[in-house]
Amino acid sequence: SPSMDIQVSSNFERALFDALGRDGEKLRGLMSGLQAGGFELPSDILANLRAHFDAGRVDEEETLATIKRWQEKTQELLCPHTAVGVAVAEAQRDPSVPMITLATAHPAKFPAAVERATGLHPPLPAHMADLYERAEHITEVPNDLRALQALIGERARLDG
C-alpha cells in the first residue's frame, strides 16, 4: 500500500538486528549491501524471521475501505498505516486465536486519506488542538554525536 511505501523501514532494520542476534556489525554490513542494491539473507536468519513474522499486502482501495468499514463498525477512525495492519490481520486471522492490532499513528496525521475514506475530517487530539497556533521552536545542533548527547542531557526531564 502506498501508506507503507518507505524505502528502508526502521522496523525492518530492528527486525534484522534481532534476527542477527543483535550484532550491529553484521547489520551494518547488510544495510550497506541494501544501499548498493540488495543482499541475501543466510538461510538460518531467514528461517528465524519467518518463524516470527508473516506478511501481507493491501492496495490503496482496500486501505480506504478498511478505514471506512471500521469507522462505521466501531466509530473509530484509523490512519492508513493502521488500516493496512488491520486488513492484513483480518485476512490472516485464525478465528480460534485472539488478534490484537495496534494503531500506528493518529488519523489526524493523514487527514486527506481519512476524509476520502469516511467523509470525516479527523480532528487533532485535544492536547494538540492549538498546534497550528503554537510558536515554532528550532534548535540548531552541529552534526556531532557528543553535541547532540549534551543537548539531550541538558533538556531531558527525569520524572521520578
N, C-alpha and C. Protein backbone atom coordinates (compact mmCIF):
# COMPACT_ATOMS: atom_id res chain seq x y z
N SER A 1 0.85 -1.18 0.00
CA SER A 1 0.00 0.00 0.00
C SER A 1 0.88 1.23 0.00
N PRO A 2 0.48 2.27 -0.69
CA PRO A 2 1.26 3.50 -0.66
C PRO A 2 1.44 4.04 0.76
N SER A 3 0.51 3.73 1.66
CA SER A 3 0.66 4.24 3.02
C SER A 3 1.86 3.61 3.72
N MET A 4 2.35 2.53 3.21
CA MET A 4 3.51 1.88 3.81
C MET A 4 4.74 1.97 2.91
N ASP A 5 4.69 2.81 1.90
CA ASP A 5 5.73 2.88 0.89
C ASP A 5 6.90 3.73 1.36
N ILE A 6 7.78 3.13 2.12
CA ILE A 6 9.00 3.80 2.53
C ILE A 6 10.17 2.94 2.09
N GLN A 7 11.28 3.54 1.84
CA GLN A 7 12.40 2.82 1.25
C GLN A 7 13.06 1.85 2.21
N VAL A 8 13.45 2.30 3.38
CA VAL A 8 14.09 1.43 4.36
C VAL A 8 13.43 1.68 5.70
N SER A 9 12.55 0.79 6.06
CA SER A 9 11.81 0.93 7.30
C SER A 9 12.71 0.66 8.49
N SER A 10 12.62 1.53 9.51
CA SER A 10 13.40 1.30 10.73
C SER A 10 12.92 0.03 11.43
N ASN A 11 11.64 -0.33 11.25
CA ASN A 11 11.14 -1.58 11.83
C ASN A 11 11.85 -2.77 11.19
N PHE A 12 12.07 -2.70 9.88
CA PHE A 12 12.77 -3.76 9.17
C PHE A 12 14.19 -3.89 9.70
N GLU A 13 14.84 -2.76 9.89
CA GLU A 13 16.20 -2.77 10.40
C GLU A 13 16.25 -3.36 11.81
N ARG A 14 15.27 -3.00 12.65
CA ARG A 14 15.23 -3.56 14.01
C ARG A 14 14.98 -5.06 13.98
N ALA A 15 14.11 -5.53 13.08
CA ALA A 15 13.85 -6.96 12.98
C ALA A 15 15.12 -7.71 12.57
N LEU A 16 15.83 -7.15 11.61
CA LEU A 16 17.10 -7.77 11.19
C LEU A 16 18.10 -7.79 12.35
N PHE A 17 18.17 -6.70 13.09
CA PHE A 17 19.08 -6.61 14.23
C PHE A 17 18.81 -7.74 15.21
N ASP A 18 17.55 -7.96 15.53
CA ASP A 18 17.20 -9.05 16.45
C ASP A 18 17.49 -10.41 15.83
N ALA A 19 17.15 -10.59 14.54
CA ALA A 19 17.39 -11.88 13.87
C ALA A 19 18.88 -12.19 13.77
N LEU A 20 19.70 -11.15 13.76
CA LEU A 20 21.16 -11.33 13.68
C LEU A 20 21.79 -11.46 15.06
N GLY A 21 20.98 -11.71 16.07
CA GLY A 21 21.50 -11.86 17.42
C GLY A 21 21.99 -10.54 18.00
N ARG A 22 21.41 -9.44 17.54
CA ARG A 22 21.74 -8.09 17.99
C ARG A 22 23.20 -7.74 17.70
N ASP A 23 23.68 -8.23 16.58
CA ASP A 23 25.05 -7.98 16.14
C ASP A 23 25.06 -6.76 15.21
N GLY A 24 25.49 -5.62 15.74
CA GLY A 24 25.47 -4.37 14.99
C GLY A 24 26.37 -4.38 13.77
N GLU A 25 27.51 -5.07 13.84
CA GLU A 25 28.42 -5.11 12.70
C GLU A 25 27.81 -5.89 11.54
N LYS A 26 27.18 -7.02 11.85
CA LYS A 26 26.51 -7.79 10.78
C LYS A 26 25.39 -6.97 10.16
N LEU A 27 24.64 -6.27 11.00
CA LEU A 27 23.55 -5.44 10.50
C LEU A 27 24.10 -4.34 9.59
N ARG A 28 25.16 -3.70 10.03
CA ARG A 28 25.77 -2.63 9.23
C ARG A 28 26.16 -3.16 7.84
N GLY A 29 26.72 -4.37 7.82
CA GLY A 29 27.11 -4.97 6.54
C GLY A 29 25.90 -5.20 5.62
N LEU A 30 24.82 -5.73 6.21
CA LEU A 30 23.61 -5.95 5.41
C LEU A 30 23.04 -4.64 4.89
N MET A 31 22.95 -3.65 5.77
CA MET A 31 22.34 -2.38 5.37
C MET A 31 23.17 -1.67 4.31
N SER A 32 24.49 -1.79 4.38
CA SER A 32 25.30 -1.19 3.32
C SER A 32 25.09 -1.95 2.01
N GLY A 33 24.87 -3.26 2.11
CA GLY A 33 24.53 -4.03 0.91
C GLY A 33 23.20 -3.59 0.32
N LEU A 34 22.27 -3.23 1.18
CA LEU A 34 20.97 -2.75 0.72
C LEU A 34 21.13 -1.44 -0.05
N GLN A 35 21.99 -0.57 0.44
CA GLN A 35 22.24 0.69 -0.26
C GLN A 35 22.87 0.45 -1.62
N ALA A 36 23.61 -0.65 -1.76
CA ALA A 36 24.26 -0.97 -3.02
C ALA A 36 23.34 -1.75 -3.96
N GLY A 37 22.12 -2.04 -3.54
CA GLY A 37 21.18 -2.71 -4.43
C GLY A 37 20.51 -3.93 -3.87
N GLY A 38 20.98 -4.45 -2.75
CA GLY A 38 20.31 -5.60 -2.15
C GLY A 38 21.25 -6.51 -1.41
N PHE A 39 20.69 -7.52 -0.78
CA PHE A 39 21.50 -8.50 -0.07
C PHE A 39 20.71 -9.80 0.02
N GLU A 40 21.40 -10.87 0.29
CA GLU A 40 20.76 -12.16 0.53
C GLU A 40 20.96 -12.53 1.98
N LEU A 41 19.87 -12.94 2.60
CA LEU A 41 19.97 -13.35 3.99
C LEU A 41 20.42 -14.80 4.07
N PRO A 42 21.30 -15.11 5.00
CA PRO A 42 21.65 -16.52 5.22
C PRO A 42 20.38 -17.29 5.61
N SER A 43 20.30 -18.56 5.24
CA SER A 43 19.07 -19.35 5.44
C SER A 43 18.65 -19.41 6.91
N ASP A 44 19.60 -19.46 7.86
CA ASP A 44 19.22 -19.52 9.27
C ASP A 44 18.57 -18.22 9.73
N ILE A 45 19.05 -17.10 9.23
CA ILE A 45 18.47 -15.80 9.59
C ILE A 45 17.08 -15.66 8.97
N LEU A 46 16.94 -16.08 7.72
CA LEU A 46 15.64 -16.04 7.06
C LEU A 46 14.64 -16.94 7.79
N ALA A 47 15.08 -18.11 8.21
CA ALA A 47 14.20 -19.02 8.96
C ALA A 47 13.77 -18.40 10.28
N ASN A 48 14.70 -17.71 10.95
CA ASN A 48 14.38 -17.02 12.20
C ASN A 48 13.30 -15.97 11.96
N LEU A 49 13.44 -15.18 10.93
CA LEU A 49 12.44 -14.15 10.62
C LEU A 49 11.09 -14.78 10.28
N ARG A 50 11.11 -15.83 9.47
CA ARG A 50 9.86 -16.48 9.07
C ARG A 50 9.14 -17.13 10.25
N ALA A 51 9.90 -17.52 11.27
CA ALA A 51 9.29 -18.12 12.46
C ALA A 51 8.55 -17.08 13.30
N HIS A 52 8.91 -15.81 13.14
CA HIS A 52 8.33 -14.76 13.97
C HIS A 52 7.41 -13.79 13.23
N PHE A 53 7.49 -13.75 11.91
CA PHE A 53 6.75 -12.76 11.14
C PHE A 53 5.99 -13.40 10.01
N ASP A 54 4.92 -12.74 9.63
CA ASP A 54 4.18 -13.07 8.43
C ASP A 54 3.95 -11.75 7.72
N ALA A 55 3.52 -11.80 6.50
CA ALA A 55 3.35 -10.57 5.76
C ALA A 55 2.11 -10.65 4.89
N GLY A 56 1.67 -9.51 4.47
CA GLY A 56 0.54 -9.42 3.55
C GLY A 56 0.61 -8.10 2.84
N ARG A 57 -0.28 -7.91 1.89
CA ARG A 57 -0.30 -6.64 1.16
C ARG A 57 -1.73 -6.17 1.03
N VAL A 58 -1.88 -4.87 0.97
CA VAL A 58 -3.18 -4.25 0.84
C VAL A 58 -3.02 -3.08 -0.13
N ASP A 59 -3.88 -3.00 -1.13
CA ASP A 59 -3.77 -1.85 -2.04
C ASP A 59 -4.49 -0.64 -1.46
N GLU A 60 -4.38 0.48 -2.14
CA GLU A 60 -4.94 1.73 -1.62
C GLU A 60 -6.46 1.66 -1.46
N GLU A 61 -7.14 1.04 -2.42
CA GLU A 61 -8.60 0.91 -2.32
C GLU A 61 -9.02 0.14 -1.08
N GLU A 62 -8.33 -0.98 -0.82
CA GLU A 62 -8.66 -1.78 0.35
C GLU A 62 -8.31 -1.05 1.65
N THR A 63 -7.24 -0.25 1.61
CA THR A 63 -6.87 0.55 2.77
C THR A 63 -8.00 1.51 3.12
N LEU A 64 -8.49 2.23 2.11
CA LEU A 64 -9.57 3.19 2.32
C LEU A 64 -10.86 2.47 2.74
N ALA A 65 -11.14 1.32 2.14
CA ALA A 65 -12.34 0.56 2.50
C ALA A 65 -12.26 0.08 3.95
N THR A 66 -11.07 -0.27 4.41
CA THR A 66 -10.89 -0.70 5.80
C THR A 66 -11.12 0.46 6.76
N ILE A 67 -10.61 1.63 6.41
CA ILE A 67 -10.84 2.82 7.25
C ILE A 67 -12.34 3.06 7.36
N LYS A 68 -13.04 3.02 6.24
CA LYS A 68 -14.49 3.28 6.22
C LYS A 68 -15.25 2.22 7.01
N ARG A 69 -14.93 0.95 6.77
CA ARG A 69 -15.63 -0.15 7.43
C ARG A 69 -15.48 -0.08 8.95
N TRP A 70 -14.26 0.18 9.41
CA TRP A 70 -14.03 0.24 10.85
C TRP A 70 -14.65 1.46 11.48
N GLN A 71 -14.70 2.56 10.75
CA GLN A 71 -15.35 3.74 11.30
C GLN A 71 -16.85 3.48 11.45
N GLU A 72 -17.45 2.83 10.45
CA GLU A 72 -18.88 2.51 10.53
C GLU A 72 -19.16 1.48 11.62
N LYS A 73 -18.26 0.51 11.77
CA LYS A 73 -18.46 -0.58 12.72
C LYS A 73 -18.19 -0.17 14.16
N THR A 74 -17.16 0.68 14.37
CA THR A 74 -16.71 0.97 15.73
C THR A 74 -16.72 2.45 16.10
N GLN A 75 -16.98 3.32 15.13
CA GLN A 75 -16.88 4.77 15.30
C GLN A 75 -15.45 5.22 15.59
N GLU A 76 -14.49 4.36 15.33
CA GLU A 76 -13.07 4.70 15.47
C GLU A 76 -12.50 5.03 14.09
N LEU A 77 -11.73 6.10 14.00
CA LEU A 77 -11.05 6.43 12.76
C LEU A 77 -9.66 5.81 12.79
N LEU A 78 -9.32 5.10 11.73
CA LEU A 78 -7.99 4.51 11.60
C LEU A 78 -7.15 5.37 10.67
N CYS A 79 -5.86 5.45 10.93
CA CYS A 79 -4.94 6.05 9.98
C CYS A 79 -4.68 5.02 8.88
N PRO A 80 -4.16 5.41 7.73
CA PRO A 80 -3.90 4.45 6.66
C PRO A 80 -2.96 3.32 7.07
N HIS A 81 -1.93 3.63 7.85
CA HIS A 81 -0.99 2.58 8.28
C HIS A 81 -1.70 1.53 9.14
N THR A 82 -2.50 1.99 10.07
CA THR A 82 -3.24 1.08 10.93
C THR A 82 -4.22 0.27 10.11
N ALA A 83 -4.87 0.90 9.13
CA ALA A 83 -5.82 0.18 8.28
C ALA A 83 -5.14 -0.94 7.51
N VAL A 84 -3.92 -0.73 7.06
CA VAL A 84 -3.18 -1.80 6.38
C VAL A 84 -2.97 -2.96 7.34
N GLY A 85 -2.52 -2.66 8.56
CA GLY A 85 -2.31 -3.72 9.55
C GLY A 85 -3.59 -4.45 9.87
N VAL A 86 -4.69 -3.72 10.03
CA VAL A 86 -5.98 -4.36 10.33
C VAL A 86 -6.44 -5.24 9.17
N ALA A 87 -6.32 -4.75 7.95
CA ALA A 87 -6.76 -5.53 6.79
C ALA A 87 -5.95 -6.81 6.63
N VAL A 88 -4.65 -6.72 6.82
CA VAL A 88 -3.81 -7.92 6.72
C VAL A 88 -4.14 -8.88 7.87
N ALA A 89 -4.32 -8.34 9.06
CA ALA A 89 -4.67 -9.19 10.21
C ALA A 89 -6.00 -9.90 9.96
N GLU A 90 -6.98 -9.18 9.42
CA GLU A 90 -8.27 -9.80 9.13
C GLU A 90 -8.12 -10.93 8.12
N ALA A 91 -7.29 -10.72 7.11
CA ALA A 91 -7.12 -11.72 6.05
C ALA A 91 -6.40 -12.97 6.56
N GLN A 92 -5.53 -12.80 7.54
CA GLN A 92 -4.72 -13.93 8.01
C GLN A 92 -5.18 -14.49 9.35
N ARG A 93 -6.19 -13.91 9.91
CA ARG A 93 -6.60 -14.27 11.27
C ARG A 93 -7.15 -15.69 11.35
N ASP A 94 -6.71 -16.38 12.36
CA ASP A 94 -7.28 -17.67 12.74
C ASP A 94 -8.35 -17.35 13.78
N PRO A 95 -9.63 -17.62 13.49
CA PRO A 95 -10.70 -17.24 14.41
C PRO A 95 -10.57 -17.84 15.81
N SER A 96 -9.78 -18.90 15.96
CA SER A 96 -9.62 -19.50 17.28
C SER A 96 -8.55 -18.81 18.12
N VAL A 97 -7.86 -17.82 17.53
CA VAL A 97 -6.78 -17.12 18.23
C VAL A 97 -7.13 -15.64 18.31
N PRO A 98 -7.07 -15.06 19.49
CA PRO A 98 -7.34 -13.62 19.59
C PRO A 98 -6.34 -12.82 18.75
N MET A 99 -6.81 -11.75 18.16
CA MET A 99 -5.93 -10.89 17.34
C MET A 99 -5.97 -9.48 17.91
N ILE A 100 -4.81 -8.91 18.11
CA ILE A 100 -4.69 -7.53 18.57
C ILE A 100 -3.93 -6.78 17.49
N THR A 101 -4.48 -5.65 17.08
CA THR A 101 -3.80 -4.79 16.11
C THR A 101 -3.58 -3.44 16.78
N LEU A 102 -2.35 -2.99 16.80
CA LEU A 102 -2.03 -1.72 17.44
C LEU A 102 -2.07 -0.60 16.42
N ALA A 103 -2.65 0.52 16.80
CA ALA A 103 -2.65 1.69 15.94
C ALA A 103 -1.23 2.21 15.82
N THR A 104 -0.88 2.68 14.64
CA THR A 104 0.48 3.14 14.41
C THR A 104 0.61 4.65 14.33
N ALA A 105 -0.49 5.35 14.10
CA ALA A 105 -0.45 6.81 14.05
C ALA A 105 -1.86 7.34 14.30
N HIS A 106 -1.95 8.60 14.63
CA HIS A 106 -3.25 9.23 14.82
C HIS A 106 -3.83 9.54 13.44
N PRO A 107 -5.13 9.34 13.23
CA PRO A 107 -5.71 9.62 11.92
C PRO A 107 -5.56 11.07 11.48
N ALA A 108 -5.41 12.01 12.42
CA ALA A 108 -5.24 13.42 12.05
C ALA A 108 -3.91 13.65 11.33
N LYS A 109 -3.00 12.70 11.41
CA LYS A 109 -1.74 12.82 10.69
C LYS A 109 -1.95 12.63 9.19
N PHE A 110 -3.07 12.00 8.83
CA PHE A 110 -3.39 11.71 7.44
C PHE A 110 -4.81 12.17 7.11
N PRO A 111 -5.11 13.46 7.29
CA PRO A 111 -6.49 13.91 7.18
C PRO A 111 -7.11 13.69 5.79
N ALA A 112 -6.33 13.87 4.73
CA ALA A 112 -6.90 13.72 3.39
C ALA A 112 -7.35 12.29 3.13
N ALA A 113 -6.53 11.31 3.51
CA ALA A 113 -6.89 9.90 3.28
C ALA A 113 -8.09 9.50 4.13
N VAL A 114 -8.10 9.91 5.39
CA VAL A 114 -9.21 9.56 6.28
C VAL A 114 -10.51 10.20 5.78
N GLU A 115 -10.41 11.46 5.36
CA GLU A 115 -11.61 12.14 4.86
C GLU A 115 -12.08 11.52 3.55
N ARG A 116 -11.16 11.12 2.71
CA ARG A 116 -11.53 10.45 1.45
C ARG A 116 -12.27 9.15 1.73
N ALA A 117 -11.83 8.43 2.74
CA ALA A 117 -12.44 7.13 3.07
C ALA A 117 -13.79 7.28 3.77
N THR A 118 -13.91 8.28 4.64
CA THR A 118 -15.09 8.35 5.51
C THR A 118 -15.95 9.60 5.33
N GLY A 119 -15.40 10.61 4.69
CA GLY A 119 -16.11 11.89 4.62
C GLY A 119 -15.93 12.72 5.87
N LEU A 120 -15.18 12.21 6.83
CA LEU A 120 -14.95 12.91 8.10
C LEU A 120 -13.52 13.44 8.14
N HIS A 121 -13.37 14.70 8.53
CA HIS A 121 -12.04 15.27 8.71
C HIS A 121 -11.61 14.98 10.15
N PRO A 122 -10.56 14.19 10.34
CA PRO A 122 -10.17 13.82 11.71
C PRO A 122 -9.62 15.01 12.48
N PRO A 123 -10.17 15.28 13.65
CA PRO A 123 -9.67 16.40 14.45
C PRO A 123 -8.36 16.03 15.14
N LEU A 124 -7.58 17.05 15.44
CA LEU A 124 -6.38 16.82 16.23
C LEU A 124 -6.80 16.39 17.63
N PRO A 125 -5.96 15.62 18.33
CA PRO A 125 -6.27 15.28 19.73
C PRO A 125 -6.41 16.57 20.54
N ALA A 126 -7.21 16.53 21.59
CA ALA A 126 -7.48 17.72 22.41
C ALA A 126 -6.21 18.42 22.87
N HIS A 127 -5.20 17.65 23.29
CA HIS A 127 -3.97 18.27 23.79
C HIS A 127 -3.15 18.93 22.69
N MET A 128 -3.56 18.75 21.43
CA MET A 128 -2.86 19.36 20.31
C MET A 128 -3.76 20.28 19.48
N ALA A 129 -4.96 20.55 19.97
CA ALA A 129 -5.94 21.30 19.19
C ALA A 129 -5.42 22.66 18.74
N ASP A 130 -4.52 23.25 19.49
CA ASP A 130 -3.97 24.56 19.14
C ASP A 130 -2.61 24.46 18.44
N LEU A 131 -2.28 23.30 17.92
CA LEU A 131 -0.97 23.05 17.34
C LEU A 131 -0.56 24.10 16.30
N TYR A 132 -1.46 24.44 15.41
CA TYR A 132 -1.11 25.35 14.32
C TYR A 132 -0.99 26.80 14.77
N GLU A 133 -1.42 27.09 15.98
CA GLU A 133 -1.27 28.44 16.52
C GLU A 133 -0.05 28.56 17.43
N ARG A 134 0.58 27.47 17.77
CA ARG A 134 1.72 27.50 18.67
C ARG A 134 2.95 28.10 18.00
N ALA A 135 3.79 28.68 18.83
CA ALA A 135 5.07 29.21 18.33
C ALA A 135 5.96 28.04 17.92
N GLU A 136 6.74 28.25 16.89
CA GLU A 136 7.66 27.23 16.42
C GLU A 136 9.01 27.45 17.08
N HIS A 137 9.63 26.38 17.55
CA HIS A 137 10.93 26.46 18.21
C HIS A 137 11.92 25.61 17.43
N ILE A 138 13.04 26.18 17.11
CA ILE A 138 14.07 25.46 16.34
C ILE A 138 15.38 25.60 17.09
N THR A 139 16.07 24.48 17.25
CA THR A 139 17.40 24.50 17.85
C THR A 139 18.35 23.84 16.86
N GLU A 140 19.33 24.59 16.43
CA GLU A 140 20.33 24.03 15.52
C GLU A 140 21.40 23.35 16.36
N VAL A 141 21.77 22.14 15.94
CA VAL A 141 22.77 21.36 16.64
C VAL A 141 23.82 20.94 15.61
N PRO A 142 25.10 21.08 15.93
CA PRO A 142 26.13 20.64 14.99
C PRO A 142 25.97 19.14 14.69
N ASN A 143 26.43 18.73 13.54
CA ASN A 143 26.38 17.33 13.16
C ASN A 143 27.48 16.59 13.92
N ASP A 144 27.23 16.41 15.22
CA ASP A 144 28.22 15.84 16.11
C ASP A 144 27.49 15.09 17.23
N LEU A 145 27.78 13.82 17.38
CA LEU A 145 27.09 12.99 18.36
C LEU A 145 27.21 13.56 19.77
N ARG A 146 28.39 13.98 20.17
CA ARG A 146 28.56 14.50 21.54
C ARG A 146 27.74 15.76 21.76
N ALA A 147 27.66 16.62 20.75
CA ALA A 147 26.86 17.84 20.89
C ALA A 147 25.38 17.49 21.04
N LEU A 148 24.93 16.50 20.28
CA LEU A 148 23.53 16.07 20.39
C LEU A 148 23.26 15.45 21.75
N GLN A 149 24.16 14.59 22.21
CA GLN A 149 24.00 13.97 23.52
C GLN A 149 23.98 15.03 24.63
N ALA A 150 24.82 16.03 24.51
CA ALA A 150 24.86 17.10 25.52
C ALA A 150 23.55 17.87 25.53
N LEU A 151 23.02 18.20 24.37
CA LEU A 151 21.75 18.93 24.30
C LEU A 151 20.62 18.11 24.91
N ILE A 152 20.56 16.84 24.58
CA ILE A 152 19.51 15.97 25.15
C ILE A 152 19.67 15.89 26.66
N GLY A 153 20.91 15.74 27.13
CA GLY A 153 21.16 15.69 28.57
C GLY A 153 20.72 16.96 29.28
N GLU A 154 20.95 18.10 28.65
CA GLU A 154 20.55 19.39 29.25
C GLU A 154 19.04 19.54 29.33
N ARG A 155 18.35 19.03 28.31
CA ARG A 155 16.91 19.29 28.20
C ARG A 155 16.01 18.14 28.69
N ALA A 156 16.61 17.00 28.95
CA ALA A 156 15.80 15.85 29.38
C ALA A 156 15.20 16.11 30.75
N ARG A 157 13.95 15.70 30.87
CA ARG A 157 13.28 15.79 32.16
C ARG A 157 13.21 14.40 32.74
N LEU A 158 13.77 14.24 33.88
CA LEU A 158 13.71 12.94 34.55
C LEU A 158 12.60 12.98 35.57
N ASP A 159 11.56 12.22 35.32
CA ASP A 159 10.42 12.16 36.23
C ASP A 159 10.59 10.97 37.15
N GLY A 160 10.76 11.22 38.42
CA GLY A 160 10.82 10.13 39.38
C GLY A 160 12.13 9.79 39.76
